[in-house]
Amino acid sequence: MKLLYAEDERAMSEAVTDILEYHKYQVDPVYDGEEALDYIRAGSYDGIILDVMMPRMDGLEVLKRIRAGGDRTPVLLLTARSQIEDRIEGLDLGADDYLPKPFDMGELLARVRAMLRRREEYRPDVKTFGDIALSPHTYELSCGTRSLVLPGLEYRMMETLIINKGIFLSSEDLLDKVWGYDSEADLGSVWVYISYLRKRLAAVGSSVTIRARRGIGYRLEE
């Protein structure tokens, strides 16, 4: 598996790169945001690890630009523990996960494995339900002639709901399937992203709704 690792602190970069390479990952380390963007555009990676605070271009701007360009490579953001706003913005821009700094190397490896595992589980076919279609290539949710691109977590939640059509999924089920077993996200995150997806469905003019049944869970309905 080939990773891009963008971190401007050289000592940290060397330590993390050594650990990743010891665990059989191929790593391209870069030290600022512009260099990261150049490498991403020129290469092909299975996963990207981005520090938010970098010179020349911060990690959030790098993430914004690659997602705007249609690149759906999984991204793990490294954020300062106190910067909750960065985590929220990063997830909204399409990050797949985040890890607060300072972090334990074992947790970093677990996050990377989870990120790459979810990537491998993606199915290549366009998924449909009712009048909507969801593309794994572009992350587009479409209905008729209207479409929009979903951020990473919204895409995974919509994909999970479509795959499990007709089945009520509990908040715990969605938390495990969308965020992963080792995520720090809580059950409240599920409700927030269900709300986001309802707005997305309305924005494309779909007749599909997300039904909630108290104490049971959520499912798609026409």
N, C-alpha and C. Protein backbone atom coordinates (compact mmCIF):
# COMPACT_ATOMS: atom_id res chain seq x y z
N MET A 1 0.84 -1.19 0.00
CA MET A 1 0.00 0.00 0.00
C MET A 1 0.88 1.25 0.00
N LYS A 2 0.53 2.20 -0.84
CA LYS A 2 1.34 3.41 -0.98
C LYS A 2 0.63 4.60 -0.33
N LEU A 3 1.36 5.29 0.56
CA LEU A 3 0.81 6.41 1.30
C LEU A 3 1.58 7.68 1.03
N LEU A 4 0.87 8.81 1.02
CA LEU A 4 1.50 10.11 1.06
C LEU A 4 1.35 10.64 2.49
N TYR A 5 2.46 11.11 3.06
CA TYR A 5 2.43 11.62 4.43
C TYR A 5 2.96 13.06 4.42
N ALA A 6 2.09 14.02 4.72
CA ALA A 6 2.44 15.44 4.70
C ALA A 6 2.53 15.96 6.13
N GLU A 7 3.75 16.30 6.56
CA GLU A 7 4.02 16.77 7.92
C GLU A 7 5.25 17.66 7.88
N ASP A 8 5.14 18.90 8.38
CA ASP A 8 6.26 19.84 8.27
C ASP A 8 7.30 19.68 9.38
N GLU A 9 6.96 18.99 10.47
CA GLU A 9 7.93 18.75 11.52
C GLU A 9 8.80 17.57 11.12
N ARG A 10 10.07 17.83 10.80
CA ARG A 10 10.93 16.80 10.22
C ARG A 10 11.13 15.61 11.15
N ALA A 11 11.35 15.86 12.45
CA ALA A 11 11.57 14.76 13.38
C ALA A 11 10.34 13.86 13.46
N MET A 12 9.16 14.48 13.53
CA MET A 12 7.91 13.71 13.55
C MET A 12 7.74 12.93 12.25
N SER A 13 8.03 13.59 11.13
CA SER A 13 7.89 12.94 9.83
C SER A 13 8.78 11.70 9.73
N GLU A 14 10.02 11.84 10.17
CA GLU A 14 10.95 10.71 10.09
C GLU A 14 10.50 9.56 10.98
N ALA A 15 10.03 9.88 12.19
CA ALA A 15 9.60 8.83 13.12
C ALA A 15 8.39 8.08 12.58
N VAL A 16 7.38 8.83 12.10
CA VAL A 16 6.17 8.19 11.59
C VAL A 16 6.46 7.41 10.31
N THR A 17 7.28 7.98 9.44
CA THR A 17 7.64 7.29 8.20
C THR A 17 8.34 5.97 8.50
N ASP A 18 9.25 5.97 9.46
CA ASP A 18 9.95 4.73 9.84
C ASP A 18 8.97 3.67 10.33
N ILE A 19 8.02 4.09 11.16
CA ILE A 19 7.03 3.14 11.69
C ILE A 19 6.18 2.57 10.56
N LEU A 20 5.71 3.44 9.67
CA LEU A 20 4.86 2.99 8.57
C LEU A 20 5.63 2.04 7.64
N GLU A 21 6.86 2.39 7.34
CA GLU A 21 7.65 1.53 6.45
C GLU A 21 7.99 0.19 7.13
N TYR A 22 8.17 0.22 8.44
CA TYR A 22 8.42 -1.03 9.18
C TYR A 22 7.21 -1.97 9.04
N HIS A 23 6.02 -1.36 8.95
CA HIS A 23 4.80 -2.16 8.80
C HIS A 23 4.41 -2.35 7.33
N LYS A 24 5.40 -2.23 6.46
CA LYS A 24 5.29 -2.62 5.05
C LYS A 24 4.51 -1.65 4.17
N TYR A 25 4.33 -0.40 4.63
CA TYR A 25 3.73 0.60 3.77
C TYR A 25 4.84 1.32 2.98
N GLN A 26 4.54 1.66 1.75
CA GLN A 26 5.44 2.51 0.97
C GLN A 26 5.02 3.96 1.21
N VAL A 27 5.95 4.81 1.65
CA VAL A 27 5.60 6.16 2.09
C VAL A 27 6.39 7.21 1.33
N ASP A 28 5.66 8.21 0.81
CA ASP A 28 6.28 9.42 0.27
C ASP A 28 6.08 10.54 1.28
N PRO A 29 7.13 10.94 2.03
CA PRO A 29 6.98 12.05 2.97
C PRO A 29 7.17 13.40 2.27
N VAL A 30 6.30 14.35 2.57
CA VAL A 30 6.44 15.72 2.06
C VAL A 30 6.27 16.67 3.24
N TYR A 31 6.71 17.94 3.05
CA TYR A 31 6.86 18.81 4.21
C TYR A 31 6.09 20.13 4.14
N ASP A 32 5.28 20.33 3.12
CA ASP A 32 4.39 21.48 3.08
C ASP A 32 3.21 21.17 2.18
N GLY A 33 2.20 22.03 2.24
CA GLY A 33 0.97 21.76 1.54
C GLY A 33 1.08 21.78 0.02
N GLU A 34 1.87 22.71 -0.50
CA GLU A 34 2.01 22.78 -1.95
C GLU A 34 2.71 21.54 -2.50
N GLU A 35 3.72 21.08 -1.77
CA GLU A 35 4.42 19.87 -2.18
C GLU A 35 3.47 18.67 -2.13
N ALA A 36 2.65 18.62 -1.09
CA ALA A 36 1.67 17.54 -0.97
C ALA A 36 0.73 17.53 -2.17
N LEU A 37 0.22 18.70 -2.53
CA LEU A 37 -0.71 18.79 -3.65
C LEU A 37 -0.04 18.36 -4.95
N ASP A 38 1.20 18.75 -5.16
CA ASP A 38 1.93 18.36 -6.36
C ASP A 38 2.09 16.83 -6.44
N TYR A 39 2.45 16.23 -5.31
CA TYR A 39 2.64 14.77 -5.28
C TYR A 39 1.33 14.05 -5.54
N ILE A 40 0.25 14.53 -4.93
CA ILE A 40 -1.05 13.88 -5.11
C ILE A 40 -1.49 13.93 -6.57
N ARG A 41 -1.29 15.08 -7.19
CA ARG A 41 -1.71 15.24 -8.58
C ARG A 41 -0.85 14.43 -9.53
N ALA A 42 0.42 14.22 -9.16
CA ALA A 42 1.34 13.51 -10.06
C ALA A 42 1.36 12.01 -9.82
N GLY A 43 0.94 11.56 -8.63
CA GLY A 43 1.07 10.16 -8.28
C GLY A 43 -0.26 9.47 -8.08
N SER A 44 -0.17 8.23 -7.60
CA SER A 44 -1.36 7.44 -7.29
C SER A 44 -1.16 6.81 -5.92
N TYR A 45 -2.03 7.14 -4.97
CA TYR A 45 -1.86 6.69 -3.60
C TYR A 45 -3.09 5.92 -3.12
N ASP A 46 -2.85 4.99 -2.22
CA ASP A 46 -3.94 4.25 -1.60
C ASP A 46 -4.54 5.02 -0.43
N GLY A 47 -3.75 5.91 0.18
CA GLY A 47 -4.21 6.72 1.29
C GLY A 47 -3.32 7.93 1.48
N ILE A 48 -3.88 8.97 2.08
CA ILE A 48 -3.16 10.22 2.31
C ILE A 48 -3.29 10.61 3.77
N ILE A 49 -2.17 10.95 4.41
CA ILE A 49 -2.16 11.45 5.78
C ILE A 49 -1.75 12.91 5.73
N LEU A 50 -2.63 13.82 6.16
CA LEU A 50 -2.38 15.25 6.04
C LEU A 50 -2.39 15.92 7.40
N ASP A 51 -1.29 16.59 7.75
CA ASP A 51 -1.31 17.46 8.92
C ASP A 51 -2.05 18.74 8.53
N VAL A 52 -2.90 19.24 9.41
CA VAL A 52 -3.65 20.45 9.08
C VAL A 52 -2.74 21.67 9.03
N MET A 53 -1.87 21.83 10.04
CA MET A 53 -1.02 23.02 10.12
C MET A 53 0.29 22.79 9.38
N MET A 54 0.36 23.32 8.15
CA MET A 54 1.57 23.21 7.33
C MET A 54 1.86 24.54 6.66
N PRO A 55 3.14 24.82 6.34
CA PRO A 55 3.47 26.05 5.62
C PRO A 55 3.04 25.99 4.15
N ARG A 56 2.96 27.17 3.54
CA ARG A 56 2.67 27.36 2.12
C ARG A 56 1.22 27.05 1.76
N MET A 57 0.67 25.99 2.32
CA MET A 57 -0.74 25.66 2.12
C MET A 57 -1.14 24.70 3.23
N ASP A 58 -2.22 24.99 3.97
CA ASP A 58 -2.57 24.10 5.08
C ASP A 58 -3.29 22.85 4.57
N GLY A 59 -3.40 21.86 5.45
CA GLY A 59 -3.97 20.59 5.05
C GLY A 59 -5.42 20.67 4.61
N LEU A 60 -6.18 21.58 5.21
CA LEU A 60 -7.58 21.73 4.82
C LEU A 60 -7.71 22.25 3.39
N GLU A 61 -6.83 23.16 3.00
CA GLU A 61 -6.86 23.68 1.64
C GLU A 61 -6.44 22.60 0.64
N VAL A 62 -5.45 21.79 1.02
CA VAL A 62 -5.05 20.67 0.15
C VAL A 62 -6.23 19.73 -0.05
N LEU A 63 -6.90 19.39 1.05
CA LEU A 63 -8.06 18.50 0.99
C LEU A 63 -9.16 19.09 0.11
N LYS A 64 -9.44 20.36 0.29
CA LYS A 64 -10.48 21.03 -0.50
C LYS A 64 -10.17 20.95 -1.98
N ARG A 65 -8.91 21.18 -2.34
CA ARG A 65 -8.55 21.20 -3.76
C ARG A 65 -8.59 19.82 -4.39
N ILE A 66 -8.13 18.80 -3.67
CA ILE A 66 -8.15 17.47 -4.29
C ILE A 66 -9.58 16.95 -4.42
N ARG A 67 -10.42 17.25 -3.45
CA ARG A 67 -11.82 16.81 -3.57
C ARG A 67 -12.54 17.56 -4.68
N ALA A 68 -12.24 18.85 -4.82
CA ALA A 68 -12.84 19.63 -5.91
C ALA A 68 -12.41 19.10 -7.27
N GLY A 69 -11.21 18.52 -7.32
CA GLY A 69 -10.71 17.95 -8.57
C GLY A 69 -11.18 16.53 -8.82
N GLY A 70 -12.00 15.98 -7.93
CA GLY A 70 -12.55 14.65 -8.13
C GLY A 70 -11.73 13.51 -7.54
N ASP A 71 -10.64 13.83 -6.81
CA ASP A 71 -9.80 12.80 -6.21
C ASP A 71 -10.48 12.28 -4.94
N ARG A 72 -10.77 10.98 -4.90
CA ARG A 72 -11.48 10.38 -3.76
C ARG A 72 -10.57 9.48 -2.92
N THR A 73 -9.27 9.65 -3.03
CA THR A 73 -8.34 8.88 -2.20
C THR A 73 -8.66 9.13 -0.73
N PRO A 74 -8.72 8.08 0.10
CA PRO A 74 -9.00 8.27 1.53
C PRO A 74 -7.98 9.20 2.19
N VAL A 75 -8.46 10.09 3.05
CA VAL A 75 -7.61 11.07 3.72
C VAL A 75 -7.81 10.99 5.23
N LEU A 76 -6.69 10.87 5.96
CA LEU A 76 -6.66 10.95 7.41
C LEU A 76 -6.03 12.28 7.79
N LEU A 77 -6.76 13.11 8.53
CA LEU A 77 -6.25 14.41 8.97
C LEU A 77 -5.62 14.30 10.35
N LEU A 78 -4.48 14.96 10.52
CA LEU A 78 -3.85 15.09 11.83
C LEU A 78 -4.11 16.51 12.32
N THR A 79 -4.79 16.62 13.46
CA THR A 79 -5.20 17.94 13.95
C THR A 79 -4.70 18.16 15.37
N ALA A 80 -4.50 19.43 15.73
CA ALA A 80 -4.20 19.77 17.12
C ALA A 80 -5.38 19.39 17.98
N ARG A 81 -5.10 18.83 19.16
CA ARG A 81 -6.18 18.31 20.00
C ARG A 81 -7.24 19.35 20.32
N SER A 82 -6.84 20.62 20.41
CA SER A 82 -7.78 21.67 20.82
C SER A 82 -8.60 22.23 19.66
N GLN A 83 -8.22 21.93 18.43
CA GLN A 83 -8.86 22.56 17.27
C GLN A 83 -10.03 21.75 16.76
N ILE A 84 -11.14 21.78 17.51
CA ILE A 84 -12.33 21.03 17.11
C ILE A 84 -12.88 21.55 15.79
N GLU A 85 -12.77 22.87 15.56
CA GLU A 85 -13.29 23.45 14.33
C GLU A 85 -12.60 22.86 13.11
N ASP A 86 -11.28 22.60 13.21
CA ASP A 86 -10.56 22.01 12.10
C ASP A 86 -11.08 20.61 11.78
N ARG A 87 -11.41 19.86 12.81
CA ARG A 87 -11.91 18.50 12.60
C ARG A 87 -13.26 18.54 11.88
N ILE A 88 -14.14 19.42 12.35
CA ILE A 88 -15.46 19.54 11.73
C ILE A 88 -15.34 19.99 10.28
N GLU A 89 -14.52 21.02 10.05
CA GLU A 89 -14.35 21.51 8.68
C GLU A 89 -13.75 20.43 7.79
N GLY A 90 -12.76 19.70 8.33
CA GLY A 90 -12.12 18.65 7.54
C GLY A 90 -13.09 17.56 7.13
N LEU A 91 -13.94 17.12 8.05
CA LEU A 91 -14.93 16.10 7.72
C LEU A 91 -15.93 16.62 6.70
N ASP A 92 -16.32 17.87 6.83
CA ASP A 92 -17.25 18.46 5.87
C ASP A 92 -16.62 18.60 4.48
N LEU A 93 -15.30 18.78 4.43
CA LEU A 93 -14.61 18.91 3.15
C LEU A 93 -14.36 17.56 2.48
N GLY A 94 -14.58 16.48 3.23
CA GLY A 94 -14.43 15.16 2.62
C GLY A 94 -13.35 14.29 3.22
N ALA A 95 -12.80 14.67 4.38
CA ALA A 95 -11.84 13.79 5.05
C ALA A 95 -12.55 12.52 5.51
N ASP A 96 -11.81 11.42 5.55
CA ASP A 96 -12.39 10.15 5.96
C ASP A 96 -12.27 9.91 7.45
N ASP A 97 -11.28 10.53 8.09
CA ASP A 97 -11.09 10.36 9.52
C ASP A 97 -10.13 11.44 9.99
N TYR A 98 -10.02 11.60 11.30
CA TYR A 98 -9.04 12.53 11.86
C TYR A 98 -8.43 11.91 13.10
N LEU A 99 -7.22 12.38 13.43
CA LEU A 99 -6.52 11.89 14.62
C LEU A 99 -5.89 13.09 15.32
N PRO A 100 -6.28 13.36 16.56
CA PRO A 100 -5.72 14.50 17.29
C PRO A 100 -4.24 14.26 17.65
N LYS A 101 -3.45 15.33 17.61
CA LYS A 101 -2.05 15.27 18.03
C LYS A 101 -1.92 15.82 19.45
N PRO A 102 -1.02 15.26 20.26
CA PRO A 102 -0.14 14.11 19.97
C PRO A 102 -0.92 12.80 19.98
N PHE A 103 -0.42 11.83 19.23
CA PHE A 103 -1.13 10.57 19.12
C PHE A 103 -0.18 9.40 19.41
N ASP A 104 -0.78 8.27 19.72
CA ASP A 104 -0.03 7.04 19.92
C ASP A 104 0.19 6.38 18.57
N MET A 105 1.40 5.85 18.34
CA MET A 105 1.71 5.24 17.05
C MET A 105 0.80 4.05 16.76
N GLY A 106 0.43 3.32 17.80
CA GLY A 106 -0.47 2.19 17.60
C GLY A 106 -1.83 2.64 17.09
N GLU A 107 -2.32 3.76 17.62
CA GLU A 107 -3.60 4.28 17.15
C GLU A 107 -3.50 4.77 15.72
N LEU A 108 -2.38 5.42 15.38
CA LEU A 108 -2.19 5.86 13.99
C LEU A 108 -2.26 4.67 13.04
N LEU A 109 -1.56 3.60 13.38
CA LEU A 109 -1.57 2.41 12.52
C LEU A 109 -2.98 1.84 12.40
N ALA A 110 -3.72 1.84 13.51
CA ALA A 110 -5.10 1.32 13.47
C ALA A 110 -5.97 2.19 12.58
N ARG A 111 -5.80 3.50 12.65
CA ARG A 111 -6.60 4.41 11.80
C ARG A 111 -6.26 4.20 10.32
N VAL A 112 -4.98 4.04 10.04
CA VAL A 112 -4.57 3.81 8.64
C VAL A 112 -5.15 2.50 8.13
N ARG A 113 -5.08 1.45 8.94
CA ARG A 113 -5.65 0.17 8.51
C ARG A 113 -7.14 0.28 8.26
N ALA A 114 -7.85 0.97 9.16
CA ALA A 114 -9.29 1.13 8.99
C ALA A 114 -9.61 1.92 7.73
N MET A 115 -8.84 2.99 7.50
CA MET A 115 -9.05 3.82 6.31
C MET A 115 -8.86 3.01 5.04
N LEU A 116 -7.80 2.22 4.99
CA LEU A 116 -7.52 1.43 3.79
C LEU A 116 -8.49 0.27 3.64
N ARG A 117 -8.93 -0.28 4.76
CA ARG A 117 -9.89 -1.37 4.71
C ARG A 117 -11.22 -0.89 4.13
N ARG A 118 -11.65 0.29 4.55
CA ARG A 118 -12.90 0.84 4.01
C ARG A 118 -12.77 1.09 2.51
N ARG A 119 -11.60 1.54 2.10
CA ARG A 119 -11.37 1.79 0.67
C ARG A 119 -11.50 0.50 -0.12
N GLU A 120 -10.93 -0.59 0.41
CA GLU A 120 -10.98 -1.87 -0.30
C GLU A 120 -12.40 -2.42 -0.36
N GLU A 121 -13.23 -2.05 0.61
CA GLU A 121 -14.59 -2.56 0.66
C GLU A 121 -15.53 -1.84 -0.31
N TYR A 122 -15.10 -0.69 -0.86
CA TYR A 122 -15.96 0.02 -1.78
C TYR A 122 -16.23 -0.82 -3.02
N ARG A 123 -17.45 -0.82 -3.46
CA ARG A 123 -17.80 -1.57 -4.67
C ARG A 123 -17.85 -0.62 -5.85
N PRO A 124 -17.40 -1.09 -7.05
CA PRO A 124 -17.25 -0.18 -8.17
C PRO A 124 -18.54 0.21 -8.87
N ASP A 125 -19.63 -0.51 -8.65
CA ASP A 125 -20.85 -0.24 -9.41
C ASP A 125 -21.64 0.92 -8.82
N VAL A 126 -22.30 1.66 -9.71
CA VAL A 126 -23.21 2.71 -9.27
C VAL A 126 -24.36 2.05 -8.52
N LYS A 127 -24.71 2.61 -7.37
CA LYS A 127 -25.78 2.04 -6.55
C LYS A 127 -27.03 2.90 -6.70
N THR A 128 -28.19 2.25 -6.73
CA THR A 128 -29.43 2.98 -6.95
C THR A 128 -30.47 2.57 -5.91
N PHE A 129 -31.39 3.50 -5.66
CA PHE A 129 -32.56 3.23 -4.83
C PHE A 129 -33.61 4.26 -5.21
N GLY A 130 -34.79 3.78 -5.57
CA GLY A 130 -35.83 4.70 -6.00
C GLY A 130 -35.35 5.55 -7.17
N ASP A 131 -35.42 6.87 -7.01
CA ASP A 131 -35.01 7.76 -8.10
C ASP A 131 -33.61 8.31 -7.94
N ILE A 132 -32.81 7.76 -6.99
CA ILE A 132 -31.45 8.27 -6.79
C ILE A 132 -30.41 7.27 -7.26
N ALA A 133 -29.24 7.80 -7.62
CA ALA A 133 -28.08 6.98 -7.98
C ALA A 133 -26.87 7.55 -7.25
N LEU A 134 -25.99 6.64 -6.83
CA LEU A 134 -24.79 7.04 -6.09
C LEU A 134 -23.58 6.45 -6.78
N SER A 135 -22.66 7.32 -7.22
CA SER A 135 -21.49 6.87 -7.96
C SER A 135 -20.28 6.76 -7.05
N PRO A 136 -19.62 5.58 -6.98
CA PRO A 136 -18.41 5.43 -6.18
C PRO A 136 -17.19 6.08 -6.82
N HIS A 137 -17.29 6.41 -8.11
CA HIS A 137 -16.16 7.02 -8.81
C HIS A 137 -16.08 8.52 -8.55
N THR A 138 -17.23 9.18 -8.51
CA THR A 138 -17.25 10.65 -8.35
C THR A 138 -17.86 11.10 -7.03
N TYR A 139 -18.44 10.15 -6.27
CA TYR A 139 -19.15 10.46 -5.02
C TYR A 139 -20.39 11.31 -5.28
N GLU A 140 -20.90 11.25 -6.51
CA GLU A 140 -22.08 12.05 -6.86
C GLU A 140 -23.36 11.34 -6.46
N LEU A 141 -24.25 12.10 -5.82
CA LEU A 141 -25.62 11.67 -5.58
C LEU A 141 -26.47 12.37 -6.62
N SER A 142 -27.21 11.61 -7.41
CA SER A 142 -27.97 12.23 -8.49
C SER A 142 -29.41 11.75 -8.50
N CYS A 143 -30.26 12.63 -9.03
CA CYS A 143 -31.68 12.33 -9.22
C CYS A 143 -32.09 13.04 -10.49
N GLY A 144 -32.39 12.28 -11.52
CA GLY A 144 -32.71 12.90 -12.81
C GLY A 144 -31.51 13.69 -13.33
N THR A 145 -31.72 14.96 -13.61
CA THR A 145 -30.65 15.81 -14.14
C THR A 145 -29.91 16.58 -13.06
N ARG A 146 -30.30 16.40 -11.80
CA ARG A 146 -29.67 17.14 -10.71
C ARG A 146 -28.72 16.23 -9.93
N SER A 147 -27.57 16.76 -9.56
CA SER A 147 -26.59 15.97 -8.82
C SER A 147 -25.73 16.87 -7.96
N LEU A 148 -25.08 16.27 -6.97
CA LEU A 148 -24.11 16.97 -6.14
C LEU A 148 -23.11 15.95 -5.61
N VAL A 149 -21.94 16.44 -5.23
CA VAL A 149 -20.87 15.58 -4.73
C VAL A 149 -20.94 15.53 -3.21
N LEU A 150 -20.96 14.32 -2.67
CA LEU A 150 -21.02 14.13 -1.22
C LEU A 150 -19.62 14.08 -0.61
N PRO A 151 -19.40 14.71 0.54
CA PRO A 151 -18.16 14.50 1.29
C PRO A 151 -18.05 13.03 1.71
N GLY A 152 -16.83 12.63 2.10
CA GLY A 152 -16.55 11.22 2.36
C GLY A 152 -17.48 10.51 3.31
N LEU A 153 -17.73 11.09 4.48
CA LEU A 153 -18.58 10.42 5.46
C LEU A 153 -20.04 10.36 5.01
N GLU A 154 -20.51 11.42 4.35
CA GLU A 154 -21.88 11.39 3.83
C GLU A 154 -22.02 10.32 2.75
N TYR A 155 -20.99 10.22 1.91
CA TYR A 155 -21.02 9.19 0.86
C TYR A 155 -21.12 7.80 1.49
N ARG A 156 -20.27 7.53 2.49
CA ARG A 156 -20.26 6.20 3.08
C ARG A 156 -21.59 5.89 3.78
N MET A 157 -22.19 6.90 4.40
CA MET A 157 -23.47 6.65 5.07
C MET A 157 -24.56 6.38 4.04
N MET A 158 -24.60 7.16 2.96
CA MET A 158 -25.60 6.92 1.93
C MET A 158 -25.38 5.56 1.27
N GLU A 159 -24.14 5.21 1.02
CA GLU A 159 -23.83 3.91 0.44
C GLU A 159 -24.30 2.78 1.35
N THR A 160 -24.07 2.92 2.65
CA THR A 160 -24.48 1.91 3.62
C THR A 160 -25.99 1.77 3.65
N LEU A 161 -26.71 2.89 3.61
CA LEU A 161 -28.17 2.84 3.61
C LEU A 161 -28.71 2.19 2.34
N ILE A 162 -28.09 2.47 1.20
CA ILE A 162 -28.55 1.87 -0.06
C ILE A 162 -28.27 0.37 -0.08
N ILE A 163 -27.07 -0.02 0.35
CA ILE A 163 -26.71 -1.44 0.37
C ILE A 163 -27.68 -2.22 1.26
N ASN A 164 -28.09 -1.60 2.36
CA ASN A 164 -28.98 -2.26 3.31
C ASN A 164 -30.43 -1.81 3.15
N LYS A 165 -30.84 -1.54 1.92
CA LYS A 165 -32.19 -1.05 1.67
C LYS A 165 -33.24 -2.01 2.22
N GLY A 166 -34.24 -1.42 2.85
CA GLY A 166 -35.30 -2.22 3.44
C GLY A 166 -35.01 -2.66 4.86
N ILE A 167 -33.79 -2.42 5.33
CA ILE A 167 -33.39 -2.86 6.67
C ILE A 167 -33.16 -1.64 7.56
N PHE A 168 -33.72 -1.66 8.74
CA PHE A 168 -33.43 -0.60 9.70
C PHE A 168 -32.05 -0.82 10.30
N LEU A 169 -31.20 0.20 10.24
CA LEU A 169 -29.87 0.15 10.84
C LEU A 169 -29.86 1.04 12.07
N SER A 170 -29.43 0.50 13.19
CA SER A 170 -29.37 1.29 14.41
C SER A 170 -28.25 2.32 14.32
N SER A 171 -28.27 3.28 15.23
CA SER A 171 -27.19 4.27 15.27
C SER A 171 -25.85 3.59 15.51
N GLU A 172 -25.85 2.55 16.33
CA GLU A 172 -24.61 1.82 16.60
C GLU A 172 -24.10 1.13 15.33
N ASP A 173 -25.03 0.54 14.55
CA ASP A 173 -24.65 -0.10 13.28
C ASP A 173 -23.99 0.91 12.35
N LEU A 174 -24.63 2.07 12.20
CA LEU A 174 -24.11 3.09 11.30
C LEU A 174 -22.78 3.63 11.78
N LEU A 175 -22.64 3.79 13.08
CA LEU A 175 -21.37 4.29 13.63
C LEU A 175 -20.24 3.32 13.28
N ASP A 176 -20.48 2.03 13.45
CA ASP A 176 -19.45 1.03 13.15
C ASP A 176 -19.15 0.94 11.66
N LYS A 177 -20.20 0.95 10.83
CA LYS A 177 -20.01 0.76 9.39
C LYS A 177 -19.43 1.98 8.71
N VAL A 178 -19.80 3.17 9.18
CA VAL A 178 -19.38 4.41 8.50
C VAL A 178 -18.09 4.97 9.09
N TRP A 179 -18.01 5.04 10.40
CA TRP A 179 -16.82 5.62 11.05
C TRP A 179 -15.76 4.57 11.38
N GLY A 180 -16.16 3.33 11.56
CA GLY A 180 -15.21 2.27 11.94
C GLY A 180 -15.27 1.99 13.43
N TYR A 181 -14.86 0.80 13.81
CA TYR A 181 -14.98 0.36 15.19
C TYR A 181 -14.10 1.16 16.15
N ASP A 182 -12.98 1.70 15.65
CA ASP A 182 -12.04 2.37 16.55
C ASP A 182 -12.14 3.89 16.48
N SER A 183 -13.23 4.41 15.94
CA SER A 183 -13.40 5.86 15.83
C SER A 183 -13.80 6.47 17.17
N GLU A 184 -13.45 7.75 17.35
CA GLU A 184 -13.85 8.47 18.54
C GLU A 184 -15.22 9.14 18.38
N ALA A 185 -15.81 9.02 17.21
CA ALA A 185 -17.13 9.63 16.98
C ALA A 185 -18.17 9.01 17.92
N ASP A 186 -19.20 9.80 18.27
CA ASP A 186 -20.24 9.29 19.16
C ASP A 186 -21.56 9.16 18.39
N LEU A 187 -22.58 8.67 19.07
CA LEU A 187 -23.86 8.41 18.42
C LEU A 187 -24.50 9.69 17.90
N GLY A 188 -24.20 10.82 18.52
CA GLY A 188 -24.74 12.08 18.04
C GLY A 188 -24.28 12.41 16.63
N SER A 189 -23.10 11.92 16.24
CA SER A 189 -22.59 12.15 14.88
C SER A 189 -23.50 11.51 13.85
N VAL A 190 -24.08 10.37 14.19
CA VAL A 190 -24.98 9.68 13.25
C VAL A 190 -26.18 10.56 12.95
N TRP A 191 -26.79 11.10 13.99
CA TRP A 191 -27.96 11.96 13.79
C TRP A 191 -27.60 13.17 12.93
N VAL A 192 -26.43 13.77 13.18
CA VAL A 192 -26.00 14.95 12.42
C VAL A 192 -25.88 14.61 10.94
N TYR A 193 -25.27 13.47 10.62
CA TYR A 193 -25.07 13.12 9.21
C TYR A 193 -26.34 12.62 8.55
N ILE A 194 -27.25 12.04 9.31
CA ILE A 194 -28.58 11.72 8.76
C ILE A 194 -29.26 13.03 8.34
N SER A 195 -29.13 14.06 9.17
CA SER A 195 -29.71 15.37 8.86
C SER A 195 -29.09 15.94 7.59
N TYR A 196 -27.76 15.81 7.46
CA TYR A 196 -27.09 16.28 6.25
C TYR A 196 -27.65 15.58 5.01
N LEU A 197 -27.80 14.26 5.09
CA LEU A 197 -28.26 13.50 3.93
C LEU A 197 -29.70 13.83 3.57
N ARG A 198 -30.52 14.10 4.54
CA ARG A 198 -31.89 14.52 4.23
C ARG A 198 -31.89 15.81 3.42
N LYS A 199 -31.01 16.72 3.78
CA LYS A 199 -30.90 17.98 3.03
C LYS A 199 -30.37 17.73 1.62
N ARG A 200 -29.44 16.78 1.49
CA ARG A 200 -28.91 16.45 0.16
C ARG A 200 -30.00 15.86 -0.73
N LEU A 201 -30.80 14.98 -0.17
CA LEU A 201 -31.89 14.37 -0.95
C LEU A 201 -32.88 15.44 -1.41
N ALA A 202 -33.18 16.38 -0.52
CA ALA A 202 -34.08 17.47 -0.90
C ALA A 202 -33.46 18.35 -1.98
N ALA A 203 -32.15 18.56 -1.89
CA ALA A 203 -31.47 19.44 -2.84
C ALA A 203 -31.49 18.89 -4.26
N VAL A 204 -31.46 17.55 -4.41
CA VAL A 204 -31.51 16.98 -5.76
C VAL A 204 -32.94 16.66 -6.19
N GLY A 205 -33.91 16.99 -5.34
CA GLY A 205 -35.31 16.80 -5.71
C GLY A 205 -35.79 15.37 -5.66
N SER A 206 -35.19 14.55 -4.79
CA SER A 206 -35.55 13.14 -4.73
C SER A 206 -36.81 12.92 -3.89
N SER A 207 -37.54 11.85 -4.25
CA SER A 207 -38.69 11.44 -3.44
C SER A 207 -38.28 10.45 -2.35
N VAL A 208 -37.01 10.07 -2.35
CA VAL A 208 -36.50 9.15 -1.34
C VAL A 208 -36.36 9.88 -0.01
N THR A 209 -36.73 9.22 1.07
CA THR A 209 -36.59 9.80 2.40
C THR A 209 -35.83 8.84 3.31
N ILE A 210 -35.30 9.36 4.39
CA ILE A 210 -34.68 8.53 5.41
C ILE A 210 -35.65 8.45 6.58
N ARG A 211 -36.21 7.28 6.78
CA ARG A 211 -37.18 7.11 7.86
C ARG A 211 -36.47 6.73 9.15
N ALA A 212 -36.85 7.36 10.24
CA ALA A 212 -36.33 7.03 11.56
C ALA A 212 -37.42 6.35 12.37
N ARG A 213 -37.08 5.26 13.01
CA ARG A 213 -38.01 4.60 13.93
C ARG A 213 -37.36 4.58 15.30
N ARG A 214 -37.99 5.23 16.25
CA ARG A 214 -37.42 5.39 17.58
C ARG A 214 -37.04 4.03 18.20
N GLY A 215 -35.81 3.97 18.68
CA GLY A 215 -35.33 2.76 19.33
C GLY A 215 -34.93 1.65 18.39
N ILE A 216 -35.11 1.87 17.07
CA ILE A 216 -34.78 0.83 16.09
C ILE A 216 -33.67 1.30 15.14
N GLY A 217 -33.90 2.42 14.46
CA GLY A 217 -32.86 2.91 13.57
C GLY A 217 -33.38 3.66 12.37
N TYR A 218 -32.62 3.58 11.27
CA TYR A 218 -32.90 4.36 10.07
C TYR A 218 -32.88 3.44 8.84
N ARG A 219 -33.72 3.80 7.84
CA ARG A 219 -33.66 3.13 6.55
C ARG A 219 -34.17 4.07 5.47
N LEU A 220 -33.82 3.77 4.23
CA LEU A 220 -34.32 4.54 3.09
C LEU A 220 -35.72 4.06 2.71
N GLU A 221 -36.57 5.01 2.34
CA GLU A 221 -37.90 4.67 1.85
C GLU A 221 -38.25 5.58 0.69
N GLU A 222 -39.07 5.06 -0.24
CA GLU A 222 -39.54 5.89 -1.36
C GLU A 222 -40.84 6.57 -0.97
